[in-house]
């Protein structure tokens, strides 16, 4: 798991917050000494603000697994740099000593510390709150942990900002028990064998599964990997130095421990808030702008064929939970075959005249904007399939269920690459899954905006939708 996305935004706010504290205390002492904050004092205040922002923008310990005491100690060193840069400006700026006395400068440098440290503590608490993956920490377990278990488990336990709650480990080899039991504080419990892990992973009990490299040599590794591919968990491989032949894996890290991210959900914490805010704002604007179109479609459907205007279908959403997806009805009522959901094909007789236009233009998807507002879907994400299709494809395509690591979307990375509508071959569905997994691991807000524009262009061509 890499450092939380958009952490630069947070670090910018940290630098700004420290600058505000430093300038406020300086102006306070300046007013106390002279009864005014004009002239060169304002120039000095600007210098202090720049120094504080520059130094504390790089203060990444607020999102680190380091202890609180270590963070505060490093903060004092950082503050020393701010004082040093300000002292250089105090010496260089002409006539500064006439407006800012030495006593004033020293009092500011010393007595700002007891104000600054509580502010940093509050910032650290806010970082834990924002980045600790939404409402609850993600439930995490280790499989066949290696020698790095002690350091890794300790860092998880002392860093709530990681948003992980480590339950314990599963292992067949008995030699790992004493090593894990030597953790300080509460020992890391053994939760059972790998067979127990397989059953609980299949039951979707874990959000994050961390694999020791010893698992790759285990006879049950193929079974475990197949079960993980049919789950909605984020999966990481913890490399062991003695098994890497001197090579160092750096593709991802948690708490400074190098990982190989086999599958990773990047839309967490602040990233998820940004994506959700964009979804709500954009969906609301689209509903207002498209309200005349929505009304016209309702009238056309009612005049074209008997039956309800909306069609609801049970599909899988985030973490494989069932959701009800709304669409404008495009088929005649009563055409399902014994509850079996069959994908629409070219010249499908079940599709109405209005429905054919709606499907080719994708206007039948517009009611899903209400799914976006209620939080069951996003504007952009893996397209949700009918529950019956999910159950079929999850048995045919390895990694299929990993699509449900995030919220499904009205449009997605696969759709803008031509994989819309009917997927008549297993290979096409496998390609769609690969695009969906690529989107999950490469997500940025800009990618969402790009996909929305690409979708608008693709709709003009009306390809592969019946």
Protein backbone atom coordinates (compact mmCIF):
# COMPACT_ATOMS: atom_id res chain seq x y z
CA UNK A 1 0.00 0.00 0.00
CA UNK A 2 1.57 3.21 -1.11
CA UNK A 3 1.40 6.53 0.70
CA UNK A 4 -2.19 7.83 0.63
CA UNK A 5 -3.03 9.65 -2.57
CA UNK A 6 -3.33 13.41 -2.47
CA UNK A 7 -1.06 13.46 0.59
CA UNK A 8 0.64 16.49 -1.00
CA UNK A 9 -2.56 18.42 -0.40
CA UNK A 10 -2.44 17.47 3.26
CA UNK A 11 1.24 18.34 3.62
CA UNK A 12 0.57 21.73 2.03
CA UNK A 13 -2.08 22.35 4.66
CA UNK A 14 0.37 21.27 7.38
CA UNK A 15 2.96 23.76 6.15
CA UNK A 16 0.33 26.48 5.99
CA UNK A 17 -0.89 25.66 9.51
CA UNK A 18 2.60 25.85 11.01
CA UNK A 19 3.19 29.14 9.18
CA UNK A 20 0.00 30.59 10.66
CA UNK A 21 1.07 29.55 14.17
CA UNK A 22 4.58 30.98 13.72
CA UNK A 23 3.38 34.29 12.31
CA UNK A 24 0.59 34.64 14.88
CA UNK A 25 2.98 34.21 17.81
CA UNK A 26 5.49 36.59 16.22
CA UNK A 27 2.88 39.29 15.72
CA UNK A 28 1.65 38.73 19.25
CA UNK A 29 5.09 39.24 20.80
CA UNK A 30 5.74 42.17 18.45
CA UNK A 31 2.57 43.90 19.56
CA UNK A 32 3.38 43.15 23.20
CA UNK A 33 6.80 44.83 22.88
CA UNK A 34 6.00 47.83 20.67
CA UNK A 35 2.22 48.10 20.43
CA UNK A 36 2.40 47.92 16.59
CA UNK A 37 3.11 45.44 13.81
CA UNK A 38 4.06 47.77 10.98
CA UNK A 39 7.13 48.35 8.87
CA UNK A 40 9.94 45.85 8.98
CA UNK A 41 7.97 43.59 11.39
CA UNK A 42 5.63 42.70 8.58
CA UNK A 43 8.59 41.87 6.36
CA UNK A 44 9.97 39.63 9.08
CA UNK A 45 6.57 38.00 9.48
CA UNK A 46 6.49 37.20 5.77
CA UNK A 47 9.96 35.68 6.02
CA UNK A 48 8.88 33.52 8.95
CA UNK A 49 5.80 32.37 7.04
CA UNK A 50 7.88 31.31 4.03
CA UNK A 51 10.44 29.50 6.19
CA UNK A 52 7.79 27.62 8.20
CA UNK A 53 5.87 26.58 5.08
CA UNK A 54 8.99 25.38 3.27
CA UNK A 55 10.35 23.40 6.23
CA UNK A 56 7.14 21.75 7.43
CA UNK A 57 5.76 20.93 3.99
CA UNK A 58 8.18 17.99 4.02
CA UNK A 59 7.12 16.89 7.53
CA UNK A 60 5.82 13.46 6.52
CA UNK A 61 5.97 12.00 10.04
CA UNK A 62 2.34 13.00 10.57
CA UNK A 63 1.43 10.06 8.29
CA UNK A 64 4.20 7.77 9.49
CA UNK A 65 4.18 4.70 11.71
CA UNK A 66 6.84 6.31 13.92
CA UNK A 67 6.04 6.84 17.59
CA UNK A 68 4.56 10.08 18.87
CA UNK A 69 7.71 10.94 20.84
CA UNK A 70 9.84 10.46 17.75
CA UNK A 71 7.55 12.74 15.74
CA UNK A 72 7.68 15.50 18.39
CA UNK A 73 11.46 15.25 18.61
CA UNK A 74 11.79 15.63 14.87
CA UNK A 75 9.34 18.53 14.97
CA UNK A 76 11.66 20.37 17.37
CA UNK A 77 14.54 19.88 14.94
CA UNK A 78 12.38 21.17 12.10
CA UNK A 79 11.43 24.19 14.18
CA UNK A 80 15.12 24.82 14.73
CA UNK A 81 15.52 25.11 10.96
CA UNK A 82 12.71 27.67 10.83
CA UNK A 83 14.44 29.69 13.55
CA UNK A 84 17.79 29.41 11.75
CA UNK A 85 16.39 30.67 8.43
CA UNK A 86 14.55 33.46 10.21
CA UNK A 87 17.72 34.43 12.09
CA UNK A 88 19.60 34.67 8.79
CA UNK A 89 16.91 36.97 7.47
CA UNK A 90 17.09 38.96 10.73
CA UNK A 91 20.78 39.54 10.13
CA UNK A 92 20.58 40.21 6.39
CA UNK A 93 17.52 42.46 6.19
CA UNK A 94 18.53 46.11 6.63
CA UNK A 95 17.62 47.86 9.90
CA UNK A 96 15.74 44.77 11.13
CA UNK A 97 17.15 45.17 14.65
CA UNK A 98 15.50 48.59 14.87
CA UNK A 99 12.02 47.04 14.63
CA UNK A 100 12.66 43.52 15.95
CA UNK A 101 14.76 43.45 19.07
CA UNK A 102 16.88 40.49 20.05
CA UNK A 103 14.64 39.86 23.07
CA UNK A 104 11.56 39.79 20.83
CA UNK A 105 13.19 37.34 18.43
CA UNK A 106 14.38 35.00 21.18
CA UNK A 107 11.03 35.03 22.98
CA UNK A 108 9.27 34.19 19.73
CA UNK A 109 11.70 31.35 18.93
CA UNK A 110 11.34 29.76 22.39
CA UNK A 111 7.72 30.33 23.34
CA UNK A 112 6.26 29.33 19.99
CA UNK A 113 7.22 25.73 20.77
CA UNK A 114 4.53 25.07 23.45
CA UNK A 115 1.95 26.46 21.02
CA UNK A 116 3.23 24.57 17.98
CA UNK A 117 3.47 21.07 19.48
CA UNK A 118 -0.25 20.78 20.42
CA UNK A 119 -1.11 22.01 16.93
CA UNK A 120 1.02 19.25 15.42
CA UNK A 121 -0.66 16.71 17.70
CA UNK A 122 -4.04 17.89 16.42
CA UNK A 123 -2.79 17.63 12.83
CA UNK A 124 -1.58 14.08 13.45
CA UNK A 125 -4.98 13.15 14.90
CA UNK A 126 -6.70 14.67 11.87
CA UNK A 127 -4.39 12.74 9.54
CA UNK A 128 -5.34 9.50 11.28
CA UNK A 129 -8.98 10.45 10.96
CA UNK A 130 -8.82 11.32 7.26
CA UNK A 131 -6.58 8.50 6.08
CA UNK A 132 -7.83 5.67 8.28
CA UNK A 133 -9.98 4.30 5.43
CA UNK A 134 -13.41 5.76 6.05
CA UNK A 135 -15.45 4.62 9.07
CA UNK A 136 -13.64 1.51 10.32
CA UNK A 137 -10.10 0.14 9.95
CA UNK A 138 -9.71 -2.53 7.31
CA UNK A 139 -9.54 -6.03 8.77
CA UNK A 140 -6.15 -7.54 7.90
CA UNK A 141 -4.45 -10.92 8.31
CA UNK A 142 -1.09 -12.49 7.50
CA UNK A 143 -0.60 -15.81 5.68
CA UNK A 144 2.62 -17.74 6.34
CA UNK A 145 4.44 -14.73 7.84
CA UNK A 146 8.22 -14.57 7.64
CA UNK A 147 10.97 -12.83 9.60
CA UNK A 148 9.61 -9.32 9.01
CA UNK A 149 6.42 -10.10 10.97
CA UNK A 150 7.60 -8.47 14.21
CA UNK A 151 8.56 -5.13 12.71
CA UNK A 152 5.57 -5.05 10.42
CA UNK A 153 3.01 -5.89 13.12
CA UNK A 154 4.49 -3.31 15.49
CA UNK A 155 4.26 -0.56 12.89
CA UNK A 156 0.66 -1.38 12.08
CA UNK A 157 -0.31 -1.33 15.75
CA UNK A 158 1.18 2.08 16.44
CA UNK A 159 -0.04 3.81 13.29
CA UNK A 160 -3.84 4.24 13.03
CA UNK A 161 -3.32 6.34 9.91
CA UNK A 162 -2.65 3.11 8.01
CA UNK A 163 -6.29 2.19 8.59
CA UNK A 164 -5.44 -1.48 9.25
CA UNK A 165 -6.61 -3.71 12.08
CA UNK A 166 -4.34 -6.76 12.19
CA UNK A 167 -6.24 -9.79 13.56
CA UNK A 168 -3.42 -12.33 13.46
CA UNK A 169 -1.92 -14.88 11.11
CA UNK A 170 -2.63 -18.25 9.47
CA UNK A 171 0.18 -20.76 9.17
CA UNK A 172 0.68 -24.48 8.71
CA UNK A 173 4.32 -24.51 9.83
CA UNK A 174 4.61 -24.64 13.65
CA UNK A 175 7.91 -22.77 13.82
CA UNK A 176 6.23 -19.41 13.20
CA UNK A 177 4.24 -19.49 16.43
CA UNK A 178 7.00 -18.62 18.88
CA UNK A 179 8.34 -15.85 16.61
CA UNK A 180 4.96 -14.11 16.42
CA UNK A 181 4.27 -14.67 20.11
CA UNK A 182 7.37 -12.66 21.02
CA UNK A 183 5.72 -9.39 19.97
CA UNK A 184 5.68 -6.77 22.74
CA UNK A 185 2.31 -6.25 24.36
CA UNK A 186 -0.46 -8.56 23.25
CA UNK A 187 0.96 -11.45 21.19
CA UNK A 188 -0.12 -11.80 17.58
CA UNK A 189 -2.56 -14.73 17.65
CA UNK A 190 -2.48 -17.70 15.33
CA UNK A 191 -5.93 -17.89 13.72
CA UNK A 192 -5.53 -21.39 12.33
CA UNK A 193 -4.19 -23.31 9.38
CA UNK A 194 -4.21 -22.34 5.71
CA UNK A 195 -7.36 -24.42 5.28
CA UNK A 196 -9.01 -22.19 7.89
CA UNK A 197 -7.75 -19.15 6.00
CA UNK A 198 -9.23 -20.41 2.73
CA UNK A 199 -12.68 -20.78 4.29
CA UNK A 200 -12.65 -17.35 5.90
CA UNK A 201 -11.30 -15.61 2.79
CA UNK A 202 -14.07 -17.23 0.77
CA UNK A 203 -16.55 -15.85 3.31
CA UNK A 204 -15.19 -12.32 2.60
CA UNK A 205 -14.14 -11.77 6.23
CA UNK A 206 -10.94 -9.84 5.43
CA UNK A 207 -10.31 -6.55 3.66
CA UNK A 208 -6.53 -6.95 3.37
CA UNK A 209 -4.52 -10.18 3.09
CA UNK A 210 -0.74 -10.00 3.46
CA UNK A 211 1.21 -12.95 2.10
CA UNK A 212 4.58 -14.15 3.34
CA UNK A 213 6.83 -15.43 0.57
CA UNK A 214 6.97 -18.85 2.22
CA UNK A 215 3.41 -19.30 1.00
CA UNK A 216 4.64 -19.46 -2.60
CA UNK A 217 6.54 -22.68 -1.78
CA UNK A 218 3.59 -24.24 0.04
CA UNK A 219 1.65 -27.10 -1.66
CA UNK A 220 -1.59 -25.19 -1.03
CA UNK A 221 -0.39 -21.94 -2.61
CA UNK A 222 -2.41 -22.41 -5.81
CA UNK A 223 -5.57 -23.03 -3.83
CA UNK A 224 -4.96 -19.96 -1.66
CA UNK A 225 -4.24 -17.72 -4.67
CA UNK A 226 -7.36 -18.93 -6.47
CA UNK A 227 -9.46 -18.15 -3.39
CA UNK A 228 -7.91 -14.68 -3.11
CA UNK A 229 -8.65 -14.01 -6.78
CA UNK A 230 -12.31 -14.81 -6.07
CA UNK A 231 -12.43 -12.39 -3.14
CA UNK A 232 -12.73 -8.62 -2.77
CA UNK A 233 -9.65 -8.23 -0.56
CA UNK A 234 -6.58 -6.15 -1.33
CA UNK A 235 -3.65 -8.59 -1.57
CA UNK A 236 0.02 -7.86 -0.80
CA UNK A 237 3.12 -10.03 -0.89
CA UNK A 238 5.71 -9.35 1.82
CA UNK A 239 9.17 -10.10 0.41
CA UNK A 240 11.74 -11.93 2.48
CA UNK A 241 15.34 -10.76 1.88
CA UNK A 242 16.79 -14.26 2.01
CA UNK A 243 14.45 -15.35 -0.81
CA UNK A 244 15.10 -12.41 -3.16
CA UNK A 245 18.77 -13.06 -3.87
CA UNK A 246 19.74 -9.52 -2.91
CA UNK A 247 17.03 -7.81 -4.95
CA UNK A 248 14.76 -5.31 -3.20
CA UNK A 249 11.07 -4.96 -4.13
CA UNK A 250 9.86 -1.35 -4.02
CA UNK A 251 6.60 -1.34 -5.91
CA UNK A 252 4.58 -0.59 -2.74
CA UNK A 253 5.07 -0.23 0.98
CA UNK A 254 3.13 -0.26 4.23
CA UNK A 255 4.72 1.46 7.20
CA UNK A 256 8.08 1.38 5.44
CA UNK A 257 7.97 -2.40 4.86
CA UNK A 258 8.51 -3.18 1.16
CA UNK A 259 5.59 -4.97 -0.51
CA UNK A 260 4.67 -6.40 -3.87
CA UNK A 261 1.15 -5.17 -4.47
CA UNK A 262 -0.65 -8.01 -6.24
CA UNK A 263 -3.86 -6.03 -6.05
CA UNK A 264 -4.40 -2.68 -4.38
CA UNK A 265 -7.32 -0.36 -3.82
CA UNK A 266 -6.01 3.21 -4.05
CA UNK A 267 -9.39 4.89 -3.56
CA UNK A 268 -9.28 5.22 0.23
CA UNK A 269 -9.37 8.01 2.79
CA UNK A 270 -8.98 11.45 1.22
CA UNK A 271 -8.98 9.94 -2.29
CA UNK A 272 -12.37 8.39 -1.65
CA UNK A 273 -13.72 11.66 -0.27
CA UNK A 274 -12.52 13.50 -3.38
CA UNK A 275 -14.02 10.91 -5.73
CA UNK A 276 -17.30 10.88 -3.80
CA UNK A 277 -17.52 14.68 -3.77
CA UNK A 278 -16.91 14.81 -7.51
CA UNK A 279 -19.56 12.12 -8.09
CA UNK A 280 -22.23 13.90 -6.07
CA UNK A 281 -21.52 17.30 -7.61
CA UNK A 282 -21.37 16.03 -11.20
CA UNK A 283 -24.41 13.74 -10.84
CA UNK A 284 -26.46 16.57 -9.34
CA UNK A 285 -25.54 18.95 -12.16
CA UNK A 286 -26.28 16.32 -14.82
CA UNK A 287 -29.70 15.53 -13.36
CA UNK A 288 -30.63 19.20 -13.43
CA UNK A 289 -29.35 19.76 -16.98
CA UNK A 290 -30.86 16.53 -18.32
CA UNK A 291 -34.24 16.82 -16.57
CA UNK A 292 -36.06 17.71 -19.86
CA UNK A 293 -34.46 14.68 -21.52
CA UNK A 294 -35.48 12.43 -18.62
CA UNK A 295 -39.07 13.64 -18.83
CA UNK A 296 -39.17 13.08 -22.60
CA UNK A 297 -37.86 9.52 -22.18
CA UNK A 298 -40.51 8.76 -19.54
CA UNK A 299 -43.28 9.90 -21.91
CA UNK A 300 -41.80 7.95 -24.86
CA UNK A 301 -41.57 4.70 -22.88
CA UNK A 302 -45.16 4.99 -21.64
CA UNK A 303 -46.45 5.61 -25.18
CA UNK A 304 -44.35 2.85 -26.77
CA UNK A 305 -45.23 -0.22 -24.69
CA UNK A 306 -47.11 -1.15 -21.51
CA UNK A 307 -45.19 -1.59 -18.30
CA UNK A 308 -43.16 0.39 -15.78
CA UNK A 309 -40.82 3.17 -16.84
CA UNK A 310 -37.89 1.97 -14.72
CA UNK A 311 -36.26 -1.43 -14.67
CA UNK A 312 -34.44 -2.58 -11.55
CA UNK A 313 -31.84 -5.33 -11.63
CA UNK A 314 -29.92 -6.94 -8.78
CA UNK A 315 -26.18 -6.62 -9.28
CA UNK A 316 -23.00 -6.80 -7.21
CA UNK A 317 -21.57 -3.59 -5.77
CA UNK A 318 -18.65 -2.70 -3.51
CA UNK A 319 -17.19 -5.77 -1.71
CA UNK A 320 -19.65 -7.98 -3.59
CA UNK A 321 -22.65 -6.59 -1.71
CA UNK A 322 -25.93 -6.70 -3.69
CA UNK A 323 -27.29 -3.43 -5.06
CA UNK A 324 -30.33 -2.57 -7.17
CA UNK A 325 -29.33 -0.78 -10.37
CA UNK A 326 -31.90 1.49 -12.01
CA UNK A 327 -32.34 1.75 -15.78
CA UNK A 328 -35.01 2.96 -18.15
CA UNK A 329 -36.95 -0.08 -19.33
CA UNK A 330 -35.89 -0.97 -22.87
CA UNK A 331 -37.48 -4.43 -23.24
CA UNK A 332 -41.01 -5.72 -23.31
CA UNK A 333 -42.43 -6.89 -20.01
CA UNK A 334 -42.51 -10.67 -19.45
CA UNK A 335 -39.68 -11.63 -21.84
CA UNK A 336 -37.36 -13.17 -19.20
CA UNK A 337 -36.89 -16.93 -19.45
CA UNK A 338 -37.50 -18.57 -16.07
CA UNK A 339 -35.59 -15.81 -14.27
CA UNK A 340 -32.49 -16.35 -16.42
CA UNK A 341 -30.83 -13.08 -17.45
CA UNK A 342 -29.73 -13.19 -21.09
CA UNK A 343 -27.56 -10.42 -22.56
CA UNK A 344 -29.21 -8.41 -25.34
CA UNK A 345 -27.96 -9.23 -28.83
CA UNK A 346 -28.15 -7.49 -32.17
CA UNK A 347 -31.75 -7.29 -33.45
CA UNK A 348 -32.98 -8.78 -30.16
CA UNK A 349 -36.80 -9.13 -30.49
CA UNK A 350 -37.30 -8.35 -26.80
CA UNK A 351 -36.09 -4.77 -27.25
CA UNK A 352 -38.78 -2.15 -27.92
CA UNK A 353 -38.50 0.57 -30.56
CA UNK A 354 -37.80 3.25 -27.97
CA UNK A 355 -35.62 0.81 -26.06
CA UNK A 356 -33.41 0.21 -29.09
CA UNK A 357 -32.66 3.93 -29.34
CA UNK A 358 -32.12 4.21 -25.59
CA UNK A 359 -29.68 1.30 -25.53
CA UNK A 360 -27.68 2.43 -28.56
CA UNK A 361 -27.36 5.94 -27.13
CA UNK A 362 -26.90 4.61 -23.54
CA UNK A 363 -29.68 6.95 -22.39
CA UNK A 364 -31.23 3.96 -20.61
CA UNK A 365 -28.38 4.28 -18.08
CA UNK A 366 -29.35 7.81 -16.96
CA UNK A 367 -31.41 6.69 -13.89
CA UNK A 368 -28.15 5.32 -12.48
CA UNK A 369 -27.32 8.92 -11.62
CA UNK A 370 -29.66 8.34 -8.68
CA UNK A 371 -27.55 5.29 -7.75
CA UNK A 372 -24.56 7.63 -7.72
CA UNK A 373 -26.33 10.04 -5.38
CA UNK A 374 -27.35 7.27 -2.95
CA UNK A 375 -23.76 5.97 -2.87
CA UNK A 376 -24.30 2.51 -4.37
CA UNK A 377 -22.48 3.48 -7.59
CA UNK A 378 -19.92 5.95 -8.89
CA UNK A 379 -19.83 7.85 -12.17
CA UNK A 380 -16.72 5.91 -13.19
CA UNK A 381 -15.78 2.40 -12.15
CA UNK A 382 -16.14 -1.24 -13.24
CA UNK A 383 -19.57 -1.78 -14.82
CA UNK A 384 -21.74 -3.95 -12.56
CA UNK A 385 -23.09 -7.11 -14.18
CA UNK A 386 -26.27 -9.00 -13.40
CA UNK A 387 -25.85 -11.25 -10.35
CA UNK A 388 -26.35 -14.37 -12.53
CA UNK A 389 -23.55 -13.25 -14.85
CA UNK A 390 -21.28 -12.57 -11.90
CA UNK A 391 -21.74 -16.07 -10.53
CA UNK A 392 -20.91 -17.52 -13.95
CA UNK A 393 -17.87 -15.40 -14.76
CA UNK A 394 -16.30 -15.57 -11.31
CA UNK A 395 -15.90 -19.32 -11.91
CA UNK A 396 -14.44 -18.81 -15.39
CA UNK A 397 -12.12 -15.81 -15.08
CA UNK A 398 -9.41 -15.66 -12.36
CA UNK A 399 -9.51 -12.36 -10.50
CA UNK A 400 -13.02 -11.50 -11.67
CA UNK A 401 -14.31 -10.58 -8.20
CA UNK A 402 -11.43 -8.16 -7.64
CA UNK A 403 -13.46 -5.71 -9.75
CA UNK A 404 -15.63 -5.24 -6.69
CA UNK A 405 -12.84 -3.76 -4.58
CA UNK A 406 -14.41 -0.36 -5.33
CA UNK A 407 -17.82 1.07 -6.19
CA UNK A 408 -19.14 0.06 -9.64
CA UNK A 409 -19.59 2.82 -12.19
CA UNK A 410 -21.96 4.01 -14.90
CA UNK A 411 -19.01 3.99 -17.29
CA UNK A 412 -15.50 2.68 -16.98
CA UNK A 413 -12.01 2.18 -18.40
CA UNK A 414 -13.12 -0.98 -20.21
CA UNK A 415 -16.10 0.73 -21.84
CA UNK A 416 -14.05 3.56 -23.36
CA UNK A 417 -11.76 0.90 -24.87
CA UNK A 418 -14.65 -0.56 -26.85
CA UNK A 419 -15.80 -3.23 -24.39
CA UNK A 420 -19.41 -2.04 -24.16
CA UNK A 421 -22.62 -4.03 -24.48
CA UNK A 422 -22.56 -7.70 -25.43
CA UNK A 423 -19.53 -9.80 -24.50
CA UNK A 424 -20.19 -12.86 -26.65
CA UNK A 425 -16.88 -14.57 -25.80
CA UNK A 426 -15.09 -15.35 -22.56
CA UNK A 427 -11.99 -13.63 -23.94
CA UNK A 428 -13.85 -10.32 -24.26
CA UNK A 429 -15.08 -10.51 -20.69
CA UNK A 430 -11.54 -11.34 -19.53
CA UNK A 431 -10.29 -8.23 -21.36
CA UNK A 432 -12.98 -6.17 -19.63
CA UNK A 433 -11.83 -7.50 -16.25
CA UNK A 434 -8.20 -6.62 -17.01
CA UNK A 435 -9.15 -3.04 -17.88
CA UNK A 436 -11.21 -2.79 -14.69
CA UNK A 437 -8.32 -4.00 -12.52
CA UNK A 438 -5.95 -1.61 -14.31
CA UNK A 439 -8.32 1.26 -13.52
CA UNK A 440 -8.48 0.35 -9.81
CA UNK A 441 -4.71 0.33 -9.45
CA UNK A 442 -4.08 3.49 -11.51
CA UNK A 443 -6.98 5.65 -10.33
CA UNK A 444 -6.70 9.42 -10.15
CA UNK A 445 -9.39 12.07 -10.31
CA UNK A 446 -7.98 13.16 -13.66
CA UNK A 447 -8.46 9.60 -14.97
CA UNK A 448 -12.15 9.79 -14.02
CA UNK A 449 -12.54 13.10 -15.86
CA UNK A 450 -10.70 11.66 -18.88
CA UNK A 451 -12.98 8.61 -18.97
CA UNK A 452 -16.10 10.77 -18.82
CA UNK A 453 -14.94 12.77 -21.85
CA UNK A 454 -13.97 9.57 -23.69
CA UNK A 455 -17.40 8.14 -22.88
CA UNK A 456 -19.14 11.14 -24.40
CA UNK A 457 -17.12 10.63 -27.59
CA UNK A 458 -17.80 6.86 -27.65
CA UNK A 459 -21.55 7.44 -27.31
CA UNK A 460 -21.53 9.35 -30.60
CA UNK A 461 -20.43 6.18 -32.40
CA UNK A 462 -23.03 3.81 -30.82
CA UNK A 463 -20.86 0.71 -31.17
CA UNK A 464 -21.40 -2.73 -29.58
CA UNK A 465 -24.60 -1.79 -27.76
CA UNK A 466 -27.91 -3.41 -28.67
